Amino acid sequence: MAHSLPDLPYAYDALEPFFDIKTMEIHHTKHHQTYVDKLNTALEGHESLRQLSVEELIRNLAAVPENIRTAVRNHGGGHANHSFFWPLLGKSVVAAGPSYEAIVKQFGSFEEFKNIFSTTAALLFGSGWTWLVKDGDRLEILTTQNQDSPVSLGKKPILGIDVWEHAYYLKYQNRRPEYIEAFFNLINWEKVNEHFESA
């Protein structure tokens, strides 16, 4: 089974003015497509691994042969992370529901959560992701470098933001905090609640 690029659940211009059409188009059709292509290349000749979903691959990287493990970690992680990221984005979805209530309960207020999450994302050195994950009964904010995924750590992602420069540089240049602020205008809380309830 070859992995494939998922369609976006909206048009490339749907997230304007927060995320610009050109960035969305390049991010999806170039960056994400490259992760898919290189993952498929790495898995050539490994038929048993080709039958696994990308989540299954990155959940148990120790079972991946050492000679392709780094490629699967990087490109499988990139494919998984972006496939998780796109549906998290949307407009006009009110922050509400069980995930929102759990955030407020644990962090004291949504603003406090937003401040911690945003600061963590802004200060992440280099390229990577910032996540809200469910670990048992608790929520936790963590970062991963490059395309590493919380799934590989045995944690269930609820929310995540891509802070690689390719995600924002055309519009925001080096102003990562502005991109993070824009992200908070685009969170699809229906999808976040779905992840929370399935965790």
N, C-alpha and C. Protein backbone atom coordinates (compact mmCIF):
# COMPACT_ATOMS: atom_id res chain seq x y z
N MET A 1 0.85 -1.20 0.00
CA MET A 1 0.00 0.00 0.00
C MET A 1 0.88 1.25 0.00
N ALA A 2 0.77 2.03 -1.05
CA ALA A 2 1.54 3.27 -1.10
C ALA A 2 0.82 4.35 -0.31
N HIS A 3 1.58 5.13 0.38
CA HIS A 3 1.00 6.28 1.09
C HIS A 3 0.71 7.39 0.09
N SER A 4 -0.29 8.19 0.37
CA SER A 4 -0.69 9.24 -0.56
C SER A 4 -0.99 10.53 0.17
N LEU A 5 -0.92 11.62 -0.57
CA LEU A 5 -1.17 12.95 -0.01
C LEU A 5 -2.67 13.11 0.23
N PRO A 6 -3.09 13.40 1.45
CA PRO A 6 -4.51 13.61 1.69
C PRO A 6 -4.98 14.94 1.12
N ASP A 7 -6.22 14.96 0.67
CA ASP A 7 -6.79 16.23 0.24
C ASP A 7 -7.02 17.13 1.45
N LEU A 8 -6.92 18.44 1.22
CA LEU A 8 -7.29 19.37 2.28
C LEU A 8 -8.81 19.43 2.38
N PRO A 9 -9.34 19.63 3.58
CA PRO A 9 -10.79 19.71 3.73
C PRO A 9 -11.34 21.11 3.44
N TYR A 10 -10.56 21.92 2.71
CA TYR A 10 -10.96 23.29 2.37
C TYR A 10 -10.07 23.75 1.22
N ALA A 11 -10.42 24.86 0.61
CA ALA A 11 -9.62 25.42 -0.48
C ALA A 11 -8.35 26.06 0.09
N TYR A 12 -7.35 26.24 -0.77
CA TYR A 12 -6.09 26.83 -0.32
C TYR A 12 -6.25 28.25 0.21
N ASP A 13 -7.26 28.95 -0.26
CA ASP A 13 -7.45 30.33 0.20
C ASP A 13 -8.43 30.43 1.37
N ALA A 14 -8.89 29.30 1.89
CA ALA A 14 -9.96 29.31 2.90
C ALA A 14 -9.53 29.90 4.23
N LEU A 15 -8.22 29.93 4.49
CA LEU A 15 -7.74 30.38 5.79
C LEU A 15 -7.22 31.81 5.76
N GLU A 16 -7.38 32.47 4.63
CA GLU A 16 -7.03 33.90 4.54
C GLU A 16 -7.88 34.69 5.54
N PRO A 17 -7.39 35.78 6.09
CA PRO A 17 -6.06 36.37 5.87
C PRO A 17 -4.99 35.82 6.81
N PHE A 18 -5.34 34.86 7.65
CA PHE A 18 -4.39 34.39 8.67
C PHE A 18 -3.28 33.53 8.06
N PHE A 19 -3.66 32.56 7.24
CA PHE A 19 -2.68 31.76 6.50
C PHE A 19 -2.91 32.04 5.02
N ASP A 20 -1.89 32.49 4.32
CA ASP A 20 -2.06 32.92 2.94
C ASP A 20 -2.12 31.74 1.98
N ILE A 21 -2.76 31.98 0.85
CA ILE A 21 -2.99 30.94 -0.14
C ILE A 21 -1.69 30.34 -0.67
N LYS A 22 -0.69 31.15 -0.93
CA LYS A 22 0.56 30.65 -1.53
C LYS A 22 1.28 29.72 -0.56
N THR A 23 1.34 30.11 0.71
CA THR A 23 1.98 29.25 1.70
C THR A 23 1.23 27.93 1.82
N MET A 24 -0.09 27.99 1.88
CA MET A 24 -0.88 26.76 2.01
C MET A 24 -0.65 25.84 0.83
N GLU A 25 -0.62 26.40 -0.36
CA GLU A 25 -0.43 25.59 -1.57
C GLU A 25 0.95 24.94 -1.58
N ILE A 26 1.99 25.71 -1.29
CA ILE A 26 3.35 25.16 -1.28
C ILE A 26 3.52 24.16 -0.14
N HIS A 27 3.01 24.50 1.01
CA HIS A 27 3.14 23.64 2.19
C HIS A 27 2.52 22.27 1.92
N HIS A 28 1.35 22.27 1.31
CA HIS A 28 0.64 21.02 1.06
C HIS A 28 1.21 20.26 -0.15
N THR A 29 1.31 20.93 -1.30
CA THR A 29 1.66 20.22 -2.54
C THR A 29 3.16 19.97 -2.71
N LYS A 30 3.98 20.72 -2.00
CA LYS A 30 5.43 20.54 -2.12
C LYS A 30 6.01 19.86 -0.88
N HIS A 31 5.86 20.47 0.27
CA HIS A 31 6.48 19.92 1.48
C HIS A 31 5.84 18.60 1.90
N HIS A 32 4.52 18.60 2.06
CA HIS A 32 3.87 17.36 2.49
C HIS A 32 4.03 16.28 1.43
N GLN A 33 3.88 16.64 0.16
CA GLN A 33 4.04 15.65 -0.91
C GLN A 33 5.43 15.03 -0.88
N THR A 34 6.44 15.81 -0.59
CA THR A 34 7.80 15.29 -0.53
C THR A 34 7.95 14.26 0.60
N TYR A 35 7.35 14.52 1.75
CA TYR A 35 7.40 13.54 2.84
C TYR A 35 6.75 12.23 2.40
N VAL A 36 5.62 12.32 1.72
CA VAL A 36 4.93 11.11 1.24
C VAL A 36 5.80 10.36 0.24
N ASP A 37 6.37 11.08 -0.72
CA ASP A 37 7.19 10.45 -1.75
C ASP A 37 8.41 9.76 -1.15
N LYS A 38 9.08 10.44 -0.23
CA LYS A 38 10.30 9.86 0.35
C LYS A 38 9.99 8.72 1.30
N LEU A 39 8.83 8.75 1.96
CA LEU A 39 8.42 7.62 2.78
C LEU A 39 8.19 6.40 1.90
N ASN A 40 7.47 6.59 0.80
CA ASN A 40 7.22 5.47 -0.11
C ASN A 40 8.52 4.90 -0.66
N THR A 41 9.47 5.76 -0.98
CA THR A 41 10.77 5.29 -1.48
C THR A 41 11.49 4.47 -0.42
N ALA A 42 11.46 4.94 0.83
CA ALA A 42 12.14 4.22 1.92
C ALA A 42 11.55 2.84 2.14
N LEU A 43 10.26 2.69 1.89
CA LEU A 43 9.56 1.43 2.17
C LEU A 43 9.61 0.45 1.00
N GLU A 44 10.20 0.84 -0.11
CA GLU A 44 10.29 -0.07 -1.24
C GLU A 44 11.05 -1.33 -0.85
N GLY A 45 10.47 -2.49 -1.18
CA GLY A 45 11.10 -3.76 -0.83
C GLY A 45 10.79 -4.25 0.56
N HIS A 46 9.98 -3.51 1.29
CA HIS A 46 9.58 -3.90 2.66
C HIS A 46 8.06 -4.06 2.68
N GLU A 47 7.59 -5.16 2.08
CA GLU A 47 6.16 -5.32 1.86
C GLU A 47 5.35 -5.34 3.15
N SER A 48 5.88 -5.95 4.21
CA SER A 48 5.12 -6.00 5.46
C SER A 48 4.94 -4.61 6.05
N LEU A 49 5.96 -3.76 5.91
CA LEU A 49 5.86 -2.39 6.42
C LEU A 49 4.94 -1.54 5.55
N ARG A 50 4.87 -1.86 4.26
CA ARG A 50 4.02 -1.09 3.35
C ARG A 50 2.53 -1.30 3.65
N GLN A 51 2.22 -2.35 4.40
CA GLN A 51 0.82 -2.61 4.74
C GLN A 51 0.37 -1.82 5.97
N LEU A 52 1.31 -1.20 6.67
CA LEU A 52 0.99 -0.48 7.90
C LEU A 52 0.61 0.96 7.62
N SER A 53 -0.26 1.51 8.46
CA SER A 53 -0.55 2.94 8.37
C SER A 53 0.68 3.72 8.84
N VAL A 54 0.74 4.99 8.51
CA VAL A 54 1.89 5.78 8.93
C VAL A 54 1.93 5.90 10.45
N GLU A 55 0.76 5.94 11.11
CA GLU A 55 0.73 5.99 12.58
C GLU A 55 1.31 4.71 13.17
N GLU A 56 0.99 3.58 12.57
CA GLU A 56 1.56 2.31 13.05
C GLU A 56 3.06 2.27 12.88
N LEU A 57 3.55 2.82 11.78
CA LEU A 57 5.00 2.85 11.53
C LEU A 57 5.73 3.67 12.59
N ILE A 58 5.24 4.88 12.84
CA ILE A 58 5.98 5.75 13.75
C ILE A 58 5.71 5.41 15.21
N ARG A 59 4.64 4.67 15.49
CA ARG A 59 4.37 4.26 16.87
C ARG A 59 5.39 3.23 17.34
N ASN A 60 5.93 2.48 16.41
CA ASN A 60 6.87 1.41 16.78
C ASN A 60 8.09 1.46 15.87
N LEU A 61 8.83 2.55 15.96
CA LEU A 61 10.01 2.73 15.11
C LEU A 61 11.08 1.68 15.35
N ALA A 62 11.11 1.11 16.55
CA ALA A 62 12.11 0.08 16.86
C ALA A 62 11.93 -1.15 15.98
N ALA A 63 10.73 -1.35 15.45
CA ALA A 63 10.47 -2.51 14.59
C ALA A 63 10.85 -2.25 13.13
N VAL A 64 11.19 -1.01 12.82
CA VAL A 64 11.59 -0.65 11.46
C VAL A 64 13.09 -0.96 11.30
N PRO A 65 13.48 -1.63 10.21
CA PRO A 65 14.90 -1.94 10.02
C PRO A 65 15.78 -0.71 10.14
N GLU A 66 16.92 -0.89 10.76
CA GLU A 66 17.79 0.25 11.07
C GLU A 66 18.20 1.04 9.84
N ASN A 67 18.36 0.36 8.71
CA ASN A 67 18.86 1.06 7.52
C ASN A 67 17.82 2.02 6.91
N ILE A 68 16.54 1.88 7.29
CA ILE A 68 15.52 2.84 6.81
C ILE A 68 14.82 3.56 7.95
N ARG A 69 15.25 3.30 9.17
CA ARG A 69 14.54 3.85 10.33
C ARG A 69 14.55 5.38 10.34
N THR A 70 15.69 5.98 10.05
CA THR A 70 15.77 7.45 10.06
C THR A 70 14.85 8.05 9.00
N ALA A 71 14.82 7.44 7.81
CA ALA A 71 13.96 7.94 6.74
C ALA A 71 12.49 7.81 7.13
N VAL A 72 12.12 6.69 7.74
CA VAL A 72 10.74 6.50 8.17
C VAL A 72 10.40 7.47 9.30
N ARG A 73 11.33 7.66 10.20
CA ARG A 73 11.10 8.60 11.30
C ARG A 73 10.88 10.01 10.76
N ASN A 74 11.74 10.45 9.84
CA ASN A 74 11.65 11.81 9.32
C ASN A 74 10.47 12.01 8.38
N HIS A 75 10.37 11.14 7.37
CA HIS A 75 9.35 11.34 6.34
C HIS A 75 8.00 10.77 6.76
N GLY A 76 8.02 9.66 7.49
CA GLY A 76 6.77 9.16 8.06
C GLY A 76 6.22 10.13 9.08
N GLY A 77 7.11 10.68 9.90
CA GLY A 77 6.69 11.69 10.87
C GLY A 77 6.13 12.92 10.19
N GLY A 78 6.79 13.37 9.11
CA GLY A 78 6.30 14.53 8.38
C GLY A 78 4.93 14.29 7.78
N HIS A 79 4.74 13.10 7.24
CA HIS A 79 3.44 12.74 6.66
C HIS A 79 2.36 12.68 7.75
N ALA A 80 2.68 12.02 8.85
CA ALA A 80 1.71 11.88 9.94
C ALA A 80 1.37 13.24 10.56
N ASN A 81 2.39 14.03 10.83
CA ASN A 81 2.16 15.33 11.48
C ASN A 81 1.31 16.25 10.62
N HIS A 82 1.60 16.31 9.33
CA HIS A 82 0.84 17.19 8.47
C HIS A 82 -0.58 16.66 8.24
N SER A 83 -0.72 15.35 8.15
CA SER A 83 -2.06 14.77 8.00
C SER A 83 -2.92 15.07 9.23
N PHE A 84 -2.29 15.17 10.39
CA PHE A 84 -2.98 15.55 11.62
C PHE A 84 -3.28 17.05 11.63
N PHE A 85 -2.36 17.85 11.10
CA PHE A 85 -2.43 19.31 11.18
C PHE A 85 -3.53 19.91 10.33
N TRP A 86 -3.65 19.47 9.07
CA TRP A 86 -4.59 20.13 8.15
C TRP A 86 -6.03 20.15 8.67
N PRO A 87 -6.57 19.04 9.15
CA PRO A 87 -7.96 19.08 9.62
C PRO A 87 -8.17 19.88 10.90
N LEU A 88 -7.06 20.20 11.60
CA LEU A 88 -7.17 21.02 12.80
C LEU A 88 -7.47 22.48 12.48
N LEU A 89 -7.35 22.83 11.22
CA LEU A 89 -7.50 24.23 10.83
C LEU A 89 -8.89 24.48 10.25
N GLY A 90 -9.44 25.63 10.55
CA GLY A 90 -10.74 26.03 10.03
C GLY A 90 -11.08 27.41 10.54
N LYS A 91 -12.19 27.93 10.11
CA LYS A 91 -12.62 29.26 10.56
C LYS A 91 -14.03 29.17 11.12
N SER A 92 -14.32 30.10 12.01
CA SER A 92 -15.66 30.24 12.59
C SER A 92 -16.08 29.02 13.40
N VAL A 93 -15.12 28.36 14.03
CA VAL A 93 -15.45 27.26 14.93
C VAL A 93 -15.21 27.74 16.36
N VAL A 94 -16.25 27.85 17.14
CA VAL A 94 -16.17 28.42 18.48
C VAL A 94 -15.41 27.47 19.42
N ALA A 95 -14.55 28.05 20.26
CA ALA A 95 -13.82 27.26 21.25
C ALA A 95 -14.80 26.80 22.32
N ALA A 96 -15.10 25.52 22.32
CA ALA A 96 -16.05 24.95 23.27
C ALA A 96 -15.93 23.44 23.22
N GLY A 97 -16.55 22.78 24.19
CA GLY A 97 -16.57 21.33 24.19
C GLY A 97 -15.68 20.73 25.24
N PRO A 98 -15.58 19.41 25.29
CA PRO A 98 -14.85 18.73 26.36
C PRO A 98 -13.36 19.04 26.40
N SER A 99 -12.73 19.22 25.25
CA SER A 99 -11.29 19.54 25.26
C SER A 99 -11.07 20.93 25.84
N TYR A 100 -11.91 21.87 25.45
CA TYR A 100 -11.82 23.24 25.97
C TYR A 100 -12.03 23.25 27.48
N GLU A 101 -13.02 22.52 27.95
CA GLU A 101 -13.30 22.45 29.38
C GLU A 101 -12.13 21.83 30.14
N ALA A 102 -11.51 20.80 29.56
CA ALA A 102 -10.36 20.16 30.21
C ALA A 102 -9.16 21.10 30.25
N ILE A 103 -8.98 21.89 29.20
CA ILE A 103 -7.89 22.88 29.16
C ILE A 103 -8.08 23.90 30.27
N VAL A 104 -9.28 24.44 30.38
CA VAL A 104 -9.56 25.45 31.40
C VAL A 104 -9.37 24.86 32.79
N LYS A 105 -9.82 23.64 32.99
CA LYS A 105 -9.69 22.99 34.30
C LYS A 105 -8.23 22.81 34.68
N GLN A 106 -7.41 22.36 33.74
CA GLN A 106 -6.02 22.06 34.07
C GLN A 106 -5.14 23.30 34.14
N PHE A 107 -5.36 24.26 33.23
CA PHE A 107 -4.47 25.43 33.16
C PHE A 107 -5.03 26.65 33.89
N GLY A 108 -6.25 26.55 34.39
CA GLY A 108 -6.82 27.66 35.15
C GLY A 108 -7.67 28.58 34.31
N SER A 109 -7.28 28.78 33.06
CA SER A 109 -8.04 29.58 32.12
C SER A 109 -7.53 29.27 30.72
N PHE A 110 -8.35 29.57 29.73
CA PHE A 110 -7.89 29.36 28.36
C PHE A 110 -6.75 30.30 28.04
N GLU A 111 -6.80 31.53 28.54
CA GLU A 111 -5.74 32.49 28.26
C GLU A 111 -4.40 32.02 28.81
N GLU A 112 -4.42 31.39 29.97
CA GLU A 112 -3.17 30.87 30.53
C GLU A 112 -2.62 29.75 29.66
N PHE A 113 -3.50 28.85 29.21
CA PHE A 113 -3.07 27.79 28.29
C PHE A 113 -2.48 28.40 27.02
N LYS A 114 -3.20 29.36 26.44
CA LYS A 114 -2.74 29.97 25.20
C LYS A 114 -1.38 30.62 25.39
N ASN A 115 -1.17 31.27 26.51
CA ASN A 115 0.11 31.92 26.79
C ASN A 115 1.24 30.90 26.88
N ILE A 116 1.02 29.82 27.61
CA ILE A 116 2.06 28.79 27.76
C ILE A 116 2.34 28.10 26.43
N PHE A 117 1.29 27.72 25.73
CA PHE A 117 1.44 27.04 24.44
C PHE A 117 2.16 27.94 23.45
N SER A 118 1.74 29.20 23.37
CA SER A 118 2.33 30.14 22.41
C SER A 118 3.79 30.41 22.72
N THR A 119 4.11 30.61 24.00
CA THR A 119 5.50 30.86 24.39
C THR A 119 6.37 29.65 24.10
N THR A 120 5.86 28.47 24.38
CA THR A 120 6.60 27.23 24.10
C THR A 120 6.89 27.11 22.61
N ALA A 121 5.88 27.40 21.78
CA ALA A 121 6.06 27.32 20.33
C ALA A 121 7.03 28.39 19.83
N ALA A 122 6.92 29.59 20.36
CA ALA A 122 7.78 30.68 19.92
C ALA A 122 9.25 30.44 20.26
N LEU A 123 9.48 29.78 21.38
CA LEU A 123 10.85 29.57 21.86
C LEU A 123 11.48 28.27 21.39
N LEU A 124 10.72 27.44 20.66
CA LEU A 124 11.29 26.19 20.16
C LEU A 124 12.45 26.51 19.22
N PHE A 125 13.61 26.01 19.53
CA PHE A 125 14.80 26.31 18.73
C PHE A 125 14.77 25.50 17.44
N GLY A 126 15.01 26.18 16.32
CA GLY A 126 15.06 25.48 15.05
C GLY A 126 13.68 25.08 14.57
N SER A 127 13.61 23.91 13.95
CA SER A 127 12.37 23.43 13.34
C SER A 127 11.72 22.36 14.20
N GLY A 128 10.39 22.34 14.20
CA GLY A 128 9.70 21.32 14.97
C GLY A 128 8.24 21.66 15.15
N TRP A 129 7.65 21.07 16.16
CA TRP A 129 6.21 21.19 16.43
C TRP A 129 6.00 21.41 17.92
N THR A 130 4.91 22.08 18.25
CA THR A 130 4.46 22.19 19.63
C THR A 130 3.09 21.53 19.69
N TRP A 131 2.88 20.75 20.75
CA TRP A 131 1.70 19.89 20.86
C TRP A 131 1.00 20.06 22.20
N LEU A 132 -0.30 19.84 22.16
CA LEU A 132 -1.07 19.55 23.37
C LEU A 132 -1.42 18.08 23.25
N VAL A 133 -0.98 17.29 24.22
CA VAL A 133 -1.22 15.85 24.18
C VAL A 133 -1.98 15.40 25.41
N LYS A 134 -2.62 14.28 25.29
CA LYS A 134 -3.27 13.65 26.43
C LYS A 134 -2.39 12.51 26.88
N ASP A 135 -2.01 12.55 28.14
CA ASP A 135 -1.15 11.52 28.72
C ASP A 135 -1.87 11.00 29.96
N GLY A 136 -2.56 9.89 29.79
CA GLY A 136 -3.41 9.41 30.87
C GLY A 136 -4.60 10.34 31.03
N ASP A 137 -4.79 10.84 32.25
CA ASP A 137 -5.89 11.77 32.51
C ASP A 137 -5.48 13.23 32.42
N ARG A 138 -4.21 13.46 32.09
CA ARG A 138 -3.70 14.83 32.09
C ARG A 138 -3.40 15.32 30.69
N LEU A 139 -3.46 16.63 30.54
CA LEU A 139 -3.03 17.28 29.32
C LEU A 139 -1.62 17.81 29.54
N GLU A 140 -0.82 17.78 28.50
CA GLU A 140 0.57 18.20 28.60
C GLU A 140 0.96 18.95 27.33
N ILE A 141 1.70 20.03 27.47
CA ILE A 141 2.27 20.75 26.34
C ILE A 141 3.70 20.27 26.16
N LEU A 142 4.04 19.85 24.95
CA LEU A 142 5.41 19.41 24.69
C LEU A 142 5.82 19.81 23.29
N THR A 143 7.11 19.73 23.04
CA THR A 143 7.64 20.03 21.71
C THR A 143 8.36 18.81 21.17
N THR A 144 8.40 18.72 19.85
CA THR A 144 9.23 17.71 19.19
C THR A 144 10.08 18.41 18.14
N GLN A 145 11.29 17.93 17.96
CA GLN A 145 12.18 18.48 16.96
C GLN A 145 11.86 17.90 15.59
N ASN A 146 12.14 18.68 14.59
CA ASN A 146 12.00 18.25 13.20
C ASN A 146 10.61 17.68 12.95
N GLN A 147 10.51 16.42 12.48
CA GLN A 147 9.20 15.84 12.24
C GLN A 147 8.89 14.70 13.22
N ASP A 148 9.53 14.72 14.36
CA ASP A 148 9.20 13.72 15.38
C ASP A 148 7.77 13.93 15.85
N SER A 149 7.13 12.83 16.25
CA SER A 149 5.72 12.87 16.60
C SER A 149 5.51 12.39 18.03
N PRO A 150 4.54 12.96 18.74
CA PRO A 150 4.20 12.45 20.07
C PRO A 150 3.75 10.98 20.03
N VAL A 151 3.26 10.54 18.88
CA VAL A 151 2.83 9.15 18.74
C VAL A 151 4.00 8.21 19.01
N SER A 152 5.20 8.61 18.58
CA SER A 152 6.40 7.79 18.82
C SER A 152 6.76 7.72 20.30
N LEU A 153 6.24 8.66 21.09
CA LEU A 153 6.49 8.69 22.53
C LEU A 153 5.37 8.03 23.32
N GLY A 154 4.40 7.46 22.60
CA GLY A 154 3.27 6.81 23.26
C GLY A 154 2.23 7.78 23.78
N LYS A 155 2.23 9.01 23.23
CA LYS A 155 1.27 10.03 23.68
C LYS A 155 0.28 10.32 22.56
N LYS A 156 -0.91 10.78 22.94
CA LYS A 156 -1.98 11.05 21.99
C LYS A 156 -2.09 12.54 21.73
N PRO A 157 -1.75 13.01 20.52
CA PRO A 157 -1.87 14.45 20.24
C PRO A 157 -3.33 14.89 20.14
N ILE A 158 -3.60 16.04 20.73
CA ILE A 158 -4.93 16.63 20.71
C ILE A 158 -4.93 17.86 19.78
N LEU A 159 -3.83 18.60 19.84
CA LEU A 159 -3.67 19.84 19.09
C LEU A 159 -2.19 19.99 18.78
N GLY A 160 -1.87 20.55 17.63
CA GLY A 160 -0.46 20.75 17.30
C GLY A 160 -0.28 21.89 16.32
N ILE A 161 0.88 22.53 16.40
CA ILE A 161 1.22 23.60 15.46
C ILE A 161 2.59 23.34 14.86
N ASP A 162 2.68 23.48 13.57
CA ASP A 162 3.91 23.34 12.80
C ASP A 162 4.67 24.66 12.92
N VAL A 163 5.86 24.61 13.49
CA VAL A 163 6.66 25.84 13.59
C VAL A 163 7.94 25.76 12.75
N TRP A 164 7.92 24.90 11.73
CA TRP A 164 8.95 24.99 10.70
C TRP A 164 8.75 26.32 9.96
N GLU A 165 9.84 26.93 9.52
CA GLU A 165 9.71 28.21 8.82
C GLU A 165 8.88 28.09 7.55
N HIS A 166 8.90 26.92 6.91
CA HIS A 166 8.13 26.80 5.65
C HIS A 166 6.63 26.98 5.90
N ALA A 167 6.18 26.82 7.15
CA ALA A 167 4.76 26.96 7.47
C ALA A 167 4.30 28.41 7.49
N TYR A 168 5.25 29.35 7.60
CA TYR A 168 4.83 30.74 7.81
C TYR A 168 5.69 31.80 7.17
N TYR A 169 6.83 31.45 6.57
CA TYR A 169 7.82 32.46 6.24
C TYR A 169 7.38 33.41 5.13
N LEU A 170 6.59 32.94 4.18
CA LEU A 170 6.18 33.84 3.09
C LEU A 170 5.37 35.02 3.61
N LYS A 171 4.54 34.79 4.61
CA LYS A 171 3.68 35.86 5.13
C LYS A 171 4.29 36.54 6.34
N TYR A 172 4.87 35.75 7.25
CA TYR A 172 5.29 36.31 8.54
C TYR A 172 6.80 36.47 8.68
N GLN A 173 7.56 36.04 7.67
CA GLN A 173 9.03 36.09 7.72
C GLN A 173 9.54 35.51 9.07
N ASN A 174 10.28 36.28 9.82
CA ASN A 174 10.84 35.77 11.09
C ASN A 174 9.93 36.05 12.28
N ARG A 175 8.68 36.46 12.03
CA ARG A 175 7.78 36.84 13.11
C ARG A 175 6.92 35.64 13.54
N ARG A 176 7.59 34.64 14.06
CA ARG A 176 6.90 33.43 14.46
C ARG A 176 5.76 33.68 15.44
N PRO A 177 5.92 34.57 16.44
CA PRO A 177 4.80 34.81 17.36
C PRO A 177 3.53 35.29 16.66
N GLU A 178 3.66 36.07 15.58
CA GLU A 178 2.48 36.52 14.84
C GLU A 178 1.78 35.35 14.16
N TYR A 179 2.56 34.42 13.63
CA TYR A 179 2.00 33.22 13.02
C TYR A 179 1.26 32.38 14.06
N ILE A 180 1.84 32.26 15.25
CA ILE A 180 1.20 31.49 16.31
C ILE A 180 -0.11 32.15 16.72
N GLU A 181 -0.12 33.46 16.83
CA GLU A 181 -1.35 34.18 17.15
C GLU A 181 -2.41 33.94 16.07
N ALA A 182 -1.99 33.94 14.81
CA ALA A 182 -2.91 33.68 13.71
C ALA A 182 -3.50 32.27 13.82
N PHE A 183 -2.66 31.32 14.20
CA PHE A 183 -3.11 29.93 14.37
C PHE A 183 -4.29 29.84 15.33
N PHE A 184 -4.27 30.62 16.38
CA PHE A 184 -5.34 30.56 17.37
C PHE A 184 -6.67 31.09 16.82
N ASN A 185 -6.63 31.75 15.68
CA ASN A 185 -7.86 32.17 15.00
C ASN A 185 -8.41 31.08 14.07
N LEU A 186 -7.67 29.99 13.94
CA LEU A 186 -8.00 28.98 12.93
C LEU A 186 -8.19 27.58 13.51
N ILE A 187 -8.24 27.44 14.81
CA ILE A 187 -8.34 26.10 15.41
C ILE A 187 -9.76 25.56 15.21
N ASN A 188 -9.83 24.38 14.64
CA ASN A 188 -11.10 23.68 14.46
C ASN A 188 -11.39 22.89 15.74
N TRP A 189 -12.13 23.49 16.64
CA TRP A 189 -12.36 22.86 17.95
C TRP A 189 -13.20 21.60 17.86
N GLU A 190 -13.98 21.45 16.80
CA GLU A 190 -14.72 20.20 16.62
C GLU A 190 -13.74 19.04 16.44
N LYS A 191 -12.66 19.28 15.67
CA LYS A 191 -11.65 18.24 15.47
C LYS A 191 -10.83 18.01 16.73
N VAL A 192 -10.50 19.07 17.46
CA VAL A 192 -9.77 18.93 18.72
C VAL A 192 -10.59 18.09 19.70
N ASN A 193 -11.88 18.37 19.79
CA ASN A 193 -12.75 17.58 20.67
C ASN A 193 -12.80 16.12 20.24
N GLU A 194 -12.80 15.89 18.95
CA GLU A 194 -12.80 14.53 18.43
C GLU A 194 -11.54 13.78 18.88
N HIS A 195 -10.39 14.43 18.76
CA HIS A 195 -9.14 13.81 19.20
C HIS A 195 -9.16 13.57 20.72
N PHE A 196 -9.67 14.54 21.44
CA PHE A 196 -9.71 14.43 22.90
C PHE A 196 -10.56 13.25 23.34
N GLU A 197 -11.72 13.10 22.73
CA GLU A 197 -12.64 12.05 23.14
C GLU A 197 -12.16 10.67 22.72
N SER A 198 -11.36 10.60 21.67
CA SER A 198 -10.87 9.30 21.22
C SER A 198 -9.57 8.89 21.92
N ALA A 199 -8.98 9.82 22.67
CA ALA A 199 -7.70 9.52 23.33
C ALA A 199 -7.90 8.55 24.48
